[in-house]
Amino acid sequence: MILDLHTHSIKSDDGRAKVRNYCQWIRSRDVGIDGFVLTEHRQYDFESDYSGLAEDFDQVILKGSEVETEYGHVLVFGVTPALTEAFDFAAIGLPLADVLAACDAHDAVAVPCHPGRRRVGMHAHIDELGVPPGVRIVEVYNGGSRGDEDAVAHQMAADLHYLGIGGSDAHIVSHIGRCATRFPRRVETEAELVEALKSEEFEAVSLRG
């Protein structure tokens, strides 16, 4: 099963894609993914119900978040009401250690995303802040990466023995599915996604044409 683990809709401040339009694009262009995760910036969207769209388009549509820490941006999977009370999702410059600890305590998974990117990627802050303890997975394929950003992410993951995921980081419809993550078993819910990530049985893939 292949899921794009990093997408944004119009719920994000800089997102320009409606979820229905993502589904239509995937179907019309035969994009090679079975579903996607909406990781809206600095929030978790408790309100939206995409189950009807998921059924109509035969796509798994899950939700997560993208928060901002002193080490850069971090995807959070397995968000619950209790987790949103553990730290302020809307804050900028959250301590990564606090995010990791809260996720561990609430059965969620935190994954630094586009870590090879300047300023908002983890690698850019290691020289100053050191290697953060507790990171197990990073995003090694990002559909919005430029230049050597993915190469930096891959090298960092190799050097520090991290596992890698992939996500498109789509903000517009045509970017969905550029990068994704392959799982050996079906993933239908956020809880199953957390379980799959914790099982360490997955592979980052680039689906760029």
N, C-alpha and C. Protein backbone atom coordinates (compact mmCIF):
# COMPACT_ATOMS: atom_id res chain seq x y z
N MET A 1 0.86 -1.19 0.00
CA MET A 1 0.00 0.00 0.00
C MET A 1 0.89 1.24 0.00
N ILE A 2 0.54 2.23 -0.81
CA ILE A 2 1.35 3.44 -0.93
C ILE A 2 0.54 4.65 -0.49
N LEU A 3 1.05 5.36 0.50
CA LEU A 3 0.39 6.55 1.03
C LEU A 3 1.32 7.75 0.91
N ASP A 4 0.77 8.86 0.48
CA ASP A 4 1.47 10.15 0.51
C ASP A 4 1.25 10.72 1.91
N LEU A 5 2.32 10.81 2.69
CA LEU A 5 2.19 11.15 4.11
C LEU A 5 2.31 12.64 4.41
N HIS A 6 2.33 13.49 3.38
CA HIS A 6 2.57 14.92 3.64
C HIS A 6 1.84 15.75 2.59
N THR A 7 0.63 16.20 2.92
CA THR A 7 -0.14 17.04 2.00
C THR A 7 -0.85 18.15 2.77
N HIS A 8 -1.22 19.20 2.04
CA HIS A 8 -1.91 20.34 2.65
C HIS A 8 -3.11 20.73 1.78
N SER A 9 -4.20 21.05 2.45
CA SER A 9 -5.39 21.52 1.74
C SER A 9 -5.57 23.01 2.01
N ILE A 10 -6.72 23.53 1.60
CA ILE A 10 -7.02 24.94 1.86
C ILE A 10 -7.17 25.23 3.35
N LYS A 11 -7.20 24.19 4.18
CA LYS A 11 -7.22 24.41 5.63
C LYS A 11 -5.90 25.00 6.12
N SER A 12 -4.81 24.74 5.38
CA SER A 12 -3.51 25.33 5.73
C SER A 12 -3.43 26.75 5.17
N ASP A 13 -2.65 27.59 5.84
CA ASP A 13 -2.60 29.00 5.46
C ASP A 13 -2.07 29.22 4.05
N ASP A 14 -1.22 28.31 3.57
CA ASP A 14 -0.67 28.47 2.23
C ASP A 14 -1.12 27.37 1.28
N GLY A 15 -2.12 26.58 1.69
CA GLY A 15 -2.63 25.52 0.83
C GLY A 15 -3.66 26.05 -0.16
N ARG A 16 -3.62 25.54 -1.38
CA ARG A 16 -4.53 26.01 -2.42
C ARG A 16 -5.35 24.88 -3.03
N ALA A 17 -5.35 23.72 -2.39
CA ALA A 17 -6.03 22.56 -2.96
C ALA A 17 -7.20 22.13 -2.08
N LYS A 18 -8.33 21.85 -2.71
CA LYS A 18 -9.45 21.23 -2.02
C LYS A 18 -9.25 19.72 -2.04
N VAL A 19 -9.70 19.07 -1.00
CA VAL A 19 -9.48 17.63 -0.87
C VAL A 19 -10.17 16.87 -2.00
N ARG A 20 -11.36 17.29 -2.37
CA ARG A 20 -12.05 16.66 -3.51
C ARG A 20 -11.22 16.77 -4.78
N ASN A 21 -10.58 17.92 -4.97
CA ASN A 21 -9.76 18.09 -6.18
C ASN A 21 -8.53 17.19 -6.17
N TYR A 22 -7.95 16.96 -4.99
CA TYR A 22 -6.88 15.97 -4.90
C TYR A 22 -7.38 14.61 -5.38
N CYS A 23 -8.54 14.21 -4.89
CA CYS A 23 -9.09 12.90 -5.26
C CYS A 23 -9.36 12.82 -6.76
N GLN A 24 -9.90 13.88 -7.31
CA GLN A 24 -10.18 13.90 -8.75
C GLN A 24 -8.90 13.81 -9.56
N TRP A 25 -7.87 14.50 -9.12
CA TRP A 25 -6.58 14.48 -9.82
C TRP A 25 -5.96 13.08 -9.78
N ILE A 26 -5.99 12.47 -8.61
CA ILE A 26 -5.44 11.12 -8.46
C ILE A 26 -6.12 10.16 -9.41
N ARG A 27 -7.44 10.26 -9.51
CA ARG A 27 -8.18 9.36 -10.39
C ARG A 27 -7.92 9.67 -11.87
N SER A 28 -7.99 10.94 -12.23
CA SER A 28 -7.89 11.30 -13.64
C SER A 28 -6.49 11.09 -14.20
N ARG A 29 -5.48 11.25 -13.35
CA ARG A 29 -4.09 11.09 -13.79
C ARG A 29 -3.50 9.74 -13.39
N ASP A 30 -4.32 8.89 -12.80
CA ASP A 30 -3.87 7.57 -12.36
C ASP A 30 -2.59 7.67 -11.53
N VAL A 31 -2.62 8.58 -10.56
CA VAL A 31 -1.48 8.75 -9.65
C VAL A 31 -1.35 7.48 -8.81
N GLY A 32 -0.14 6.99 -8.66
CA GLY A 32 0.08 5.68 -8.07
C GLY A 32 0.08 5.63 -6.57
N ILE A 33 -0.93 6.19 -5.93
CA ILE A 33 -1.04 6.12 -4.48
C ILE A 33 -2.41 5.59 -4.10
N ASP A 34 -2.49 5.00 -2.91
CA ASP A 34 -3.75 4.46 -2.39
C ASP A 34 -4.42 5.41 -1.41
N GLY A 35 -3.76 6.50 -1.08
CA GLY A 35 -4.33 7.45 -0.14
C GLY A 35 -3.31 8.50 0.25
N PHE A 36 -3.75 9.39 1.13
CA PHE A 36 -2.87 10.49 1.54
C PHE A 36 -3.26 10.98 2.92
N VAL A 37 -2.32 11.67 3.56
CA VAL A 37 -2.52 12.23 4.89
C VAL A 37 -2.47 13.74 4.79
N LEU A 38 -3.49 14.39 5.31
CA LEU A 38 -3.55 15.86 5.33
C LEU A 38 -2.87 16.36 6.60
N THR A 39 -1.72 16.95 6.43
CA THR A 39 -0.90 17.41 7.56
C THR A 39 -0.93 18.94 7.60
N GLU A 40 -2.04 19.49 8.04
CA GLU A 40 -2.22 20.94 7.99
C GLU A 40 -1.25 21.64 8.95
N HIS A 41 -0.83 22.82 8.54
CA HIS A 41 0.15 23.58 9.31
C HIS A 41 -0.41 24.04 10.66
N ARG A 42 0.36 23.74 11.72
CA ARG A 42 0.13 24.29 13.06
C ARG A 42 -1.30 24.08 13.57
N GLN A 43 -1.88 22.94 13.24
CA GLN A 43 -3.24 22.65 13.68
C GLN A 43 -3.55 21.18 13.41
N TYR A 44 -4.63 20.72 14.04
CA TYR A 44 -5.21 19.45 13.66
C TYR A 44 -6.68 19.70 13.35
N ASP A 45 -7.11 19.27 12.20
CA ASP A 45 -8.46 19.53 11.72
C ASP A 45 -9.43 18.48 12.27
N PHE A 46 -10.01 18.76 13.42
CA PHE A 46 -10.98 17.84 14.01
C PHE A 46 -12.33 17.90 13.30
N GLU A 47 -12.61 18.99 12.61
CA GLU A 47 -13.95 19.24 12.09
C GLU A 47 -14.27 18.45 10.82
N SER A 48 -13.35 18.35 9.90
CA SER A 48 -13.65 17.81 8.57
C SER A 48 -13.80 16.30 8.59
N ASP A 49 -14.80 15.83 7.87
CA ASP A 49 -15.04 14.40 7.71
C ASP A 49 -14.91 14.06 6.22
N TYR A 50 -13.87 13.33 5.90
CA TYR A 50 -13.60 12.99 4.51
C TYR A 50 -13.98 11.55 4.16
N SER A 51 -14.74 10.91 5.02
CA SER A 51 -15.06 9.49 4.80
C SER A 51 -15.87 9.29 3.53
N GLY A 52 -16.77 10.22 3.22
CA GLY A 52 -17.56 10.11 2.00
C GLY A 52 -16.70 10.21 0.76
N LEU A 53 -15.78 11.17 0.76
CA LEU A 53 -14.86 11.31 -0.37
C LEU A 53 -13.98 10.07 -0.50
N ALA A 54 -13.52 9.58 0.62
CA ALA A 54 -12.66 8.40 0.60
C ALA A 54 -13.38 7.22 -0.05
N GLU A 55 -14.64 7.05 0.28
CA GLU A 55 -15.41 5.94 -0.29
C GLU A 55 -15.69 6.18 -1.78
N ASP A 56 -16.08 7.41 -2.12
CA ASP A 56 -16.41 7.72 -3.51
C ASP A 56 -15.22 7.53 -4.45
N PHE A 57 -14.03 7.85 -3.97
CA PHE A 57 -12.84 7.81 -4.83
C PHE A 57 -11.91 6.64 -4.51
N ASP A 58 -12.34 5.77 -3.60
CA ASP A 58 -11.53 4.61 -3.22
C ASP A 58 -10.12 5.03 -2.82
N GLN A 59 -10.07 6.04 -1.97
CA GLN A 59 -8.81 6.54 -1.41
C GLN A 59 -8.87 6.52 0.11
N VAL A 60 -7.78 6.20 0.75
CA VAL A 60 -7.67 6.37 2.19
C VAL A 60 -7.28 7.82 2.45
N ILE A 61 -8.09 8.54 3.22
CA ILE A 61 -7.80 9.94 3.53
C ILE A 61 -7.68 10.06 5.04
N LEU A 62 -6.48 10.31 5.51
CA LEU A 62 -6.19 10.43 6.93
C LEU A 62 -5.75 11.85 7.25
N LYS A 63 -5.64 12.14 8.55
CA LYS A 63 -5.26 13.49 8.98
C LYS A 63 -4.11 13.41 9.98
N GLY A 64 -3.24 14.41 9.89
CA GLY A 64 -2.15 14.58 10.83
C GLY A 64 -1.93 16.06 11.03
N SER A 65 -0.70 16.45 11.27
CA SER A 65 -0.38 17.87 11.46
C SER A 65 1.08 18.11 11.11
N GLU A 66 1.41 19.38 10.87
CA GLU A 66 2.80 19.80 10.71
C GLU A 66 3.03 20.95 11.67
N VAL A 67 3.91 20.72 12.64
CA VAL A 67 4.19 21.73 13.66
C VAL A 67 5.61 22.27 13.46
N GLU A 68 5.91 23.36 14.16
CA GLU A 68 7.19 24.04 13.97
C GLU A 68 7.99 24.02 15.27
N THR A 69 9.23 23.53 15.17
CA THR A 69 10.10 23.43 16.34
C THR A 69 11.40 24.19 16.10
N GLU A 70 12.23 24.22 17.10
CA GLU A 70 13.52 24.90 16.94
C GLU A 70 14.44 24.15 16.00
N TYR A 71 14.09 22.90 15.69
CA TYR A 71 14.84 22.11 14.71
C TYR A 71 14.18 22.12 13.34
N GLY A 72 13.14 22.90 13.17
CA GLY A 72 12.44 22.92 11.90
C GLY A 72 11.08 22.27 12.00
N HIS A 73 10.49 21.96 10.84
CA HIS A 73 9.12 21.46 10.79
C HIS A 73 9.08 19.96 11.06
N VAL A 74 7.97 19.55 11.70
CA VAL A 74 7.82 18.16 12.13
C VAL A 74 6.39 17.69 11.83
N LEU A 75 6.26 16.56 11.16
CA LEU A 75 4.95 15.95 10.94
C LEU A 75 4.56 15.16 12.19
N VAL A 76 3.28 15.22 12.53
CA VAL A 76 2.77 14.48 13.68
C VAL A 76 1.62 13.60 13.22
N PHE A 77 1.73 12.31 13.47
CA PHE A 77 0.71 11.33 13.10
C PHE A 77 0.13 10.71 14.36
N GLY A 78 -1.19 10.49 14.36
CA GLY A 78 -1.86 9.92 15.52
C GLY A 78 -2.31 10.98 16.51
N VAL A 79 -2.73 12.12 15.99
CA VAL A 79 -3.15 13.23 16.85
C VAL A 79 -4.48 12.90 17.53
N THR A 80 -4.55 13.18 18.81
CA THR A 80 -5.77 13.02 19.60
C THR A 80 -6.05 14.32 20.33
N PRO A 81 -7.28 14.49 20.86
CA PRO A 81 -7.54 15.70 21.66
C PRO A 81 -6.56 15.88 22.80
N ALA A 82 -6.20 14.78 23.44
CA ALA A 82 -5.26 14.87 24.56
C ALA A 82 -3.89 15.37 24.10
N LEU A 83 -3.45 14.93 22.93
CA LEU A 83 -2.15 15.37 22.42
C LEU A 83 -2.17 16.87 22.12
N THR A 84 -3.27 17.37 21.60
CA THR A 84 -3.34 18.81 21.30
C THR A 84 -3.32 19.66 22.56
N GLU A 85 -3.59 19.05 23.70
CA GLU A 85 -3.50 19.77 24.97
C GLU A 85 -2.10 19.66 25.59
N ALA A 86 -1.30 18.75 25.06
CA ALA A 86 0.04 18.53 25.63
C ALA A 86 1.03 19.60 25.20
N PHE A 87 0.83 20.18 24.01
CA PHE A 87 1.64 21.31 23.57
C PHE A 87 0.80 22.12 22.60
N ASP A 88 1.22 23.36 22.37
CA ASP A 88 0.47 24.29 21.53
C ASP A 88 0.83 24.08 20.07
N PHE A 89 -0.06 23.43 19.33
CA PHE A 89 0.21 23.13 17.92
C PHE A 89 0.43 24.41 17.11
N ALA A 90 -0.15 25.53 17.52
CA ALA A 90 -0.06 26.77 16.76
C ALA A 90 1.22 27.53 17.02
N ALA A 91 1.99 27.12 18.01
CA ALA A 91 3.20 27.86 18.38
C ALA A 91 4.30 27.66 17.36
N ILE A 92 5.17 28.64 17.28
CA ILE A 92 6.36 28.57 16.42
C ILE A 92 7.59 28.44 17.34
N GLY A 93 8.48 27.52 17.03
CA GLY A 93 9.66 27.32 17.85
C GLY A 93 9.45 26.40 19.03
N LEU A 94 8.52 25.45 18.90
CA LEU A 94 8.32 24.47 19.96
C LEU A 94 9.62 23.69 20.23
N PRO A 95 9.89 23.35 21.46
CA PRO A 95 11.03 22.47 21.72
C PRO A 95 10.76 21.08 21.13
N LEU A 96 11.63 20.63 20.26
CA LEU A 96 11.43 19.32 19.65
C LEU A 96 11.35 18.22 20.70
N ALA A 97 12.13 18.35 21.75
CA ALA A 97 12.12 17.34 22.81
C ALA A 97 10.73 17.22 23.42
N ASP A 98 10.04 18.34 23.58
CA ASP A 98 8.69 18.31 24.15
C ASP A 98 7.71 17.65 23.19
N VAL A 99 7.85 17.93 21.90
CA VAL A 99 6.96 17.32 20.90
C VAL A 99 7.17 15.81 20.88
N LEU A 100 8.43 15.38 20.86
CA LEU A 100 8.72 13.95 20.86
C LEU A 100 8.20 13.26 22.11
N ALA A 101 8.40 13.89 23.26
CA ALA A 101 7.95 13.30 24.52
C ALA A 101 6.43 13.19 24.56
N ALA A 102 5.75 14.24 24.11
CA ALA A 102 4.29 14.23 24.10
C ALA A 102 3.75 13.15 23.16
N CYS A 103 4.39 13.01 22.00
CA CYS A 103 3.96 11.99 21.05
C CYS A 103 4.17 10.59 21.63
N ASP A 104 5.30 10.38 22.27
CA ASP A 104 5.55 9.08 22.90
C ASP A 104 4.50 8.79 23.98
N ALA A 105 4.14 9.80 24.75
CA ALA A 105 3.19 9.61 25.84
C ALA A 105 1.77 9.37 25.35
N HIS A 106 1.46 9.86 24.15
CA HIS A 106 0.08 9.76 23.64
C HIS A 106 -0.02 8.85 22.42
N ASP A 107 0.93 7.95 22.27
CA ASP A 107 0.91 6.94 21.20
C ASP A 107 0.79 7.58 19.82
N ALA A 108 1.57 8.61 19.60
CA ALA A 108 1.66 9.28 18.30
C ALA A 108 3.10 9.17 17.80
N VAL A 109 3.33 9.62 16.57
CA VAL A 109 4.67 9.56 15.99
C VAL A 109 5.02 10.92 15.41
N ALA A 110 6.21 11.42 15.75
CA ALA A 110 6.70 12.70 15.24
C ALA A 110 7.84 12.44 14.25
N VAL A 111 7.76 13.09 13.10
CA VAL A 111 8.73 12.86 12.02
C VAL A 111 9.21 14.20 11.47
N PRO A 112 10.45 14.60 11.73
CA PRO A 112 10.97 15.82 11.09
C PRO A 112 10.86 15.72 9.57
N CYS A 113 10.29 16.75 8.96
CA CYS A 113 10.06 16.71 7.51
C CYS A 113 11.03 17.65 6.79
N HIS A 114 11.18 17.40 5.49
CA HIS A 114 12.17 18.09 4.64
C HIS A 114 13.41 18.50 5.44
N PRO A 115 14.08 17.53 6.08
CA PRO A 115 15.19 17.87 6.98
C PRO A 115 16.40 18.46 6.29
N GLY A 116 16.50 18.32 4.97
CA GLY A 116 17.61 18.90 4.24
C GLY A 116 17.39 20.34 3.81
N ARG A 117 16.24 20.89 4.15
CA ARG A 117 15.90 22.25 3.71
C ARG A 117 16.50 23.28 4.66
N ARG A 118 16.96 24.37 4.10
CA ARG A 118 17.53 25.43 4.93
C ARG A 118 16.46 26.04 5.83
N ARG A 119 16.87 26.37 7.00
CA ARG A 119 16.06 27.08 8.00
C ARG A 119 14.94 26.23 8.58
N VAL A 120 14.13 25.59 7.76
CA VAL A 120 12.98 24.83 8.28
C VAL A 120 13.22 23.33 8.29
N GLY A 121 14.47 22.90 8.06
CA GLY A 121 14.82 21.49 8.10
C GLY A 121 15.77 21.18 9.24
N MET A 122 15.69 19.99 9.79
CA MET A 122 16.46 19.62 10.97
C MET A 122 17.96 19.72 10.77
N HIS A 123 18.45 19.31 9.60
CA HIS A 123 19.89 19.28 9.37
C HIS A 123 20.53 20.65 9.55
N ALA A 124 19.80 21.71 9.22
CA ALA A 124 20.35 23.06 9.29
C ALA A 124 20.64 23.49 10.73
N HIS A 125 20.09 22.78 11.71
CA HIS A 125 20.21 23.22 13.10
C HIS A 125 21.10 22.30 13.94
N ILE A 126 21.57 21.22 13.35
CA ILE A 126 22.34 20.25 14.14
C ILE A 126 23.68 20.82 14.60
N ASP A 127 24.36 21.57 13.74
CA ASP A 127 25.66 22.12 14.15
C ASP A 127 25.52 23.01 15.38
N GLU A 128 24.45 23.79 15.43
CA GLU A 128 24.25 24.70 16.56
C GLU A 128 23.66 24.01 17.78
N LEU A 129 22.67 23.13 17.56
CA LEU A 129 21.91 22.57 18.67
C LEU A 129 22.27 21.13 19.01
N GLY A 130 23.04 20.48 18.14
CA GLY A 130 23.38 19.08 18.36
C GLY A 130 22.32 18.15 17.79
N VAL A 131 22.62 16.87 17.82
CA VAL A 131 21.68 15.86 17.33
C VAL A 131 20.59 15.66 18.38
N PRO A 132 19.33 15.85 18.02
CA PRO A 132 18.26 15.73 19.03
C PRO A 132 18.01 14.27 19.38
N PRO A 133 17.96 13.95 20.66
CA PRO A 133 17.66 12.56 21.03
C PRO A 133 16.18 12.25 20.78
N GLY A 134 15.91 11.00 20.48
CA GLY A 134 14.53 10.56 20.36
C GLY A 134 13.97 10.50 18.96
N VAL A 135 14.66 11.08 17.97
CA VAL A 135 14.18 11.02 16.58
C VAL A 135 14.48 9.62 16.04
N ARG A 136 13.48 9.01 15.42
CA ARG A 136 13.66 7.67 14.86
C ARG A 136 13.40 7.64 13.35
N ILE A 137 12.57 8.57 12.88
CA ILE A 137 12.16 8.60 11.47
C ILE A 137 12.25 10.03 10.96
N VAL A 138 12.72 10.22 9.74
CA VAL A 138 12.69 11.54 9.09
C VAL A 138 12.16 11.36 7.67
N GLU A 139 11.72 12.44 7.10
CA GLU A 139 11.26 12.43 5.72
C GLU A 139 12.46 12.56 4.79
N VAL A 140 12.70 11.54 3.99
CA VAL A 140 13.88 11.56 3.11
C VAL A 140 13.52 11.90 1.66
N TYR A 141 12.26 11.73 1.29
CA TYR A 141 11.77 12.17 -0.01
C TYR A 141 10.67 13.19 0.21
N ASN A 142 10.85 14.39 -0.31
CA ASN A 142 9.86 15.44 -0.21
C ASN A 142 9.60 16.00 -1.60
N GLY A 143 8.34 16.02 -2.01
CA GLY A 143 8.00 16.45 -3.36
C GLY A 143 8.32 17.89 -3.67
N GLY A 144 8.54 18.71 -2.64
CA GLY A 144 8.87 20.10 -2.86
C GLY A 144 10.35 20.41 -2.74
N SER A 145 11.17 19.38 -2.59
CA SER A 145 12.60 19.60 -2.41
C SER A 145 13.24 20.15 -3.68
N ARG A 146 14.26 20.96 -3.46
CA ARG A 146 15.05 21.53 -4.56
C ARG A 146 16.52 21.21 -4.34
N GLY A 147 17.26 21.24 -5.46
CA GLY A 147 18.70 21.04 -5.37
C GLY A 147 19.05 19.74 -4.67
N ASP A 148 19.90 19.83 -3.65
CA ASP A 148 20.39 18.63 -2.96
C ASP A 148 19.65 18.35 -1.66
N GLU A 149 18.48 18.95 -1.46
CA GLU A 149 17.80 18.82 -0.17
C GLU A 149 17.49 17.36 0.19
N ASP A 150 16.99 16.59 -0.76
CA ASP A 150 16.72 15.18 -0.47
C ASP A 150 18.01 14.40 -0.26
N ALA A 151 19.04 14.75 -1.00
CA ALA A 151 20.32 14.07 -0.82
C ALA A 151 20.87 14.31 0.59
N VAL A 152 20.73 15.54 1.07
CA VAL A 152 21.16 15.86 2.44
C VAL A 152 20.34 15.05 3.44
N ALA A 153 19.03 14.95 3.20
CA ALA A 153 18.16 14.19 4.10
C ALA A 153 18.56 12.72 4.12
N HIS A 154 18.80 12.14 2.95
CA HIS A 154 19.21 10.74 2.87
C HIS A 154 20.54 10.51 3.59
N GLN A 155 21.50 11.41 3.41
CA GLN A 155 22.80 11.24 4.05
C GLN A 155 22.68 11.36 5.56
N MET A 156 21.89 12.31 6.02
CA MET A 156 21.69 12.47 7.45
C MET A 156 21.04 11.23 8.04
N ALA A 157 20.02 10.69 7.33
CA ALA A 157 19.35 9.48 7.81
C ALA A 157 20.32 8.31 7.89
N ALA A 158 21.20 8.20 6.88
CA ALA A 158 22.18 7.12 6.89
C ALA A 158 23.18 7.29 8.03
N ASP A 159 23.65 8.51 8.21
CA ASP A 159 24.66 8.78 9.24
C ASP A 159 24.11 8.54 10.65
N LEU A 160 22.84 8.90 10.85
CA LEU A 160 22.26 8.84 12.19
C LEU A 160 21.33 7.64 12.38
N HIS A 161 21.29 6.76 11.38
CA HIS A 161 20.52 5.51 11.46
C HIS A 161 19.03 5.76 11.67
N TYR A 162 18.51 6.73 10.92
CA TYR A 162 17.08 7.00 10.94
C TYR A 162 16.39 6.20 9.83
N LEU A 163 15.12 5.88 10.06
CA LEU A 163 14.27 5.36 9.00
C LEU A 163 13.75 6.53 8.18
N GLY A 164 13.28 6.25 6.96
CA GLY A 164 12.84 7.34 6.09
C GLY A 164 11.44 7.14 5.54
N ILE A 165 10.67 8.22 5.48
CA ILE A 165 9.37 8.22 4.82
C ILE A 165 9.42 9.19 3.64
N GLY A 166 8.36 9.15 2.82
CA GLY A 166 8.23 10.08 1.71
C GLY A 166 6.87 10.73 1.71
N GLY A 167 6.83 11.98 1.27
CA GLY A 167 5.58 12.72 1.13
C GLY A 167 5.73 13.81 0.11
N SER A 168 4.64 14.17 -0.54
CA SER A 168 4.71 15.15 -1.63
C SER A 168 4.88 16.57 -1.13
N ASP A 169 4.41 16.85 0.11
CA ASP A 169 4.36 18.24 0.60
C ASP A 169 3.52 19.09 -0.37
N ALA A 170 2.47 18.48 -0.91
CA ALA A 170 1.63 19.16 -1.90
C ALA A 170 0.85 20.30 -1.27
N HIS A 171 0.88 21.43 -1.95
CA HIS A 171 0.04 22.57 -1.61
C HIS A 171 -0.92 22.90 -2.74
N ILE A 172 -0.64 22.34 -3.91
CA ILE A 172 -1.53 22.48 -5.06
C ILE A 172 -1.83 21.08 -5.60
N VAL A 173 -2.95 20.98 -6.32
CA VAL A 173 -3.48 19.67 -6.70
C VAL A 173 -2.48 18.84 -7.49
N SER A 174 -1.80 19.44 -8.44
CA SER A 174 -0.95 18.68 -9.35
C SER A 174 0.31 18.13 -8.69
N HIS A 175 0.59 18.48 -7.45
CA HIS A 175 1.80 18.01 -6.80
C HIS A 175 1.59 16.75 -5.96
N ILE A 176 0.34 16.35 -5.77
CA ILE A 176 0.10 15.21 -4.89
C ILE A 176 0.69 13.93 -5.50
N GLY A 177 1.25 13.09 -4.65
CA GLY A 177 1.78 11.81 -5.09
C GLY A 177 3.17 11.86 -5.67
N ARG A 178 3.86 12.99 -5.58
CA ARG A 178 5.23 13.04 -6.10
C ARG A 178 6.16 12.13 -5.31
N CYS A 179 5.94 12.07 -4.01
CA CYS A 179 6.71 11.18 -3.14
C CYS A 179 5.73 10.55 -2.15
N ALA A 180 6.06 9.37 -1.68
CA ALA A 180 5.12 8.66 -0.81
C ALA A 180 5.87 7.61 0.00
N THR A 181 5.09 6.79 0.71
CA THR A 181 5.66 5.75 1.56
C THR A 181 4.92 4.45 1.30
N ARG A 182 5.68 3.38 1.09
CA ARG A 182 5.09 2.07 0.81
C ARG A 182 5.05 1.24 2.09
N PHE A 183 3.87 0.67 2.37
CA PHE A 183 3.67 -0.19 3.53
C PHE A 183 3.31 -1.60 3.05
N PRO A 184 3.76 -2.64 3.76
CA PRO A 184 3.47 -4.00 3.32
C PRO A 184 2.04 -4.45 3.59
N ARG A 185 1.33 -3.72 4.48
CA ARG A 185 -0.04 -4.09 4.81
C ARG A 185 -0.95 -2.88 4.68
N ARG A 186 -2.26 -3.14 4.69
CA ARG A 186 -3.24 -2.07 4.57
C ARG A 186 -3.17 -1.14 5.78
N VAL A 187 -3.34 0.13 5.51
CA VAL A 187 -3.42 1.16 6.55
C VAL A 187 -4.70 1.95 6.28
N GLU A 188 -5.67 1.85 7.17
CA GLU A 188 -6.99 2.44 6.93
C GLU A 188 -7.32 3.57 7.90
N THR A 189 -6.62 3.65 9.03
CA THR A 189 -6.93 4.63 10.07
C THR A 189 -5.65 5.28 10.56
N GLU A 190 -5.83 6.40 11.30
CA GLU A 190 -4.65 7.05 11.88
C GLU A 190 -3.94 6.13 12.87
N ALA A 191 -4.72 5.36 13.63
CA ALA A 191 -4.12 4.43 14.60
C ALA A 191 -3.30 3.36 13.88
N GLU A 192 -3.81 2.87 12.76
CA GLU A 192 -3.06 1.87 12.00
C GLU A 192 -1.81 2.48 11.37
N LEU A 193 -1.88 3.76 11.00
CA LEU A 193 -0.69 4.43 10.47
C LEU A 193 0.38 4.52 11.55
N VAL A 194 0.00 4.89 12.75
CA VAL A 194 0.97 4.95 13.85
C VAL A 194 1.58 3.58 14.08
N GLU A 195 0.74 2.54 14.10
CA GLU A 195 1.23 1.18 14.31
C GLU A 195 2.21 0.78 13.20
N ALA A 196 1.87 1.14 11.96
CA ALA A 196 2.74 0.79 10.83
C ALA A 196 4.08 1.50 10.93
N LEU A 197 4.07 2.77 11.33
CA LEU A 197 5.32 3.51 11.47
C LEU A 197 6.16 2.96 12.62
N LYS A 198 5.52 2.59 13.68
CA LYS A 198 6.26 2.04 14.82
C LYS A 198 6.80 0.65 14.52
N SER A 199 6.17 -0.05 13.58
CA SER A 199 6.64 -1.38 13.23
C SER A 199 7.95 -1.33 12.44
N GLU A 200 8.25 -0.15 11.89
CA GLU A 200 9.47 0.10 11.12
C GLU A 200 9.49 -0.68 9.81
N GLU A 201 8.32 -1.09 9.34
CA GLU A 201 8.22 -1.82 8.07
C GLU A 201 7.59 -0.91 7.03
N PHE A 202 8.41 -0.09 6.40
CA PHE A 202 7.94 0.82 5.37
C PHE A 202 9.14 1.29 4.56
N GLU A 203 8.83 1.92 3.44
CA GLU A 203 9.89 2.35 2.54
C GLU A 203 9.49 3.66 1.87
N ALA A 204 10.36 4.64 1.88
CA ALA A 204 10.12 5.90 1.18
C ALA A 204 10.31 5.69 -0.31
N VAL A 205 9.41 6.25 -1.11
CA VAL A 205 9.51 6.11 -2.56
C VAL A 205 9.31 7.46 -3.24
N SER A 206 10.01 7.66 -4.33
CA SER A 206 9.83 8.84 -5.17
C SER A 206 9.04 8.42 -6.40
N LEU A 207 7.93 9.10 -6.65
CA LEU A 207 7.06 8.78 -7.78
C LEU A 207 7.06 9.89 -8.81
N ARG A 208 8.06 10.75 -8.74
CA ARG A 208 8.13 11.84 -9.71
C ARG A 208 8.24 11.27 -11.13
N GLY A 209 7.53 11.90 -12.05
CA GLY A 209 7.55 11.42 -13.42
C GLY A 209 8.89 11.69 -14.11
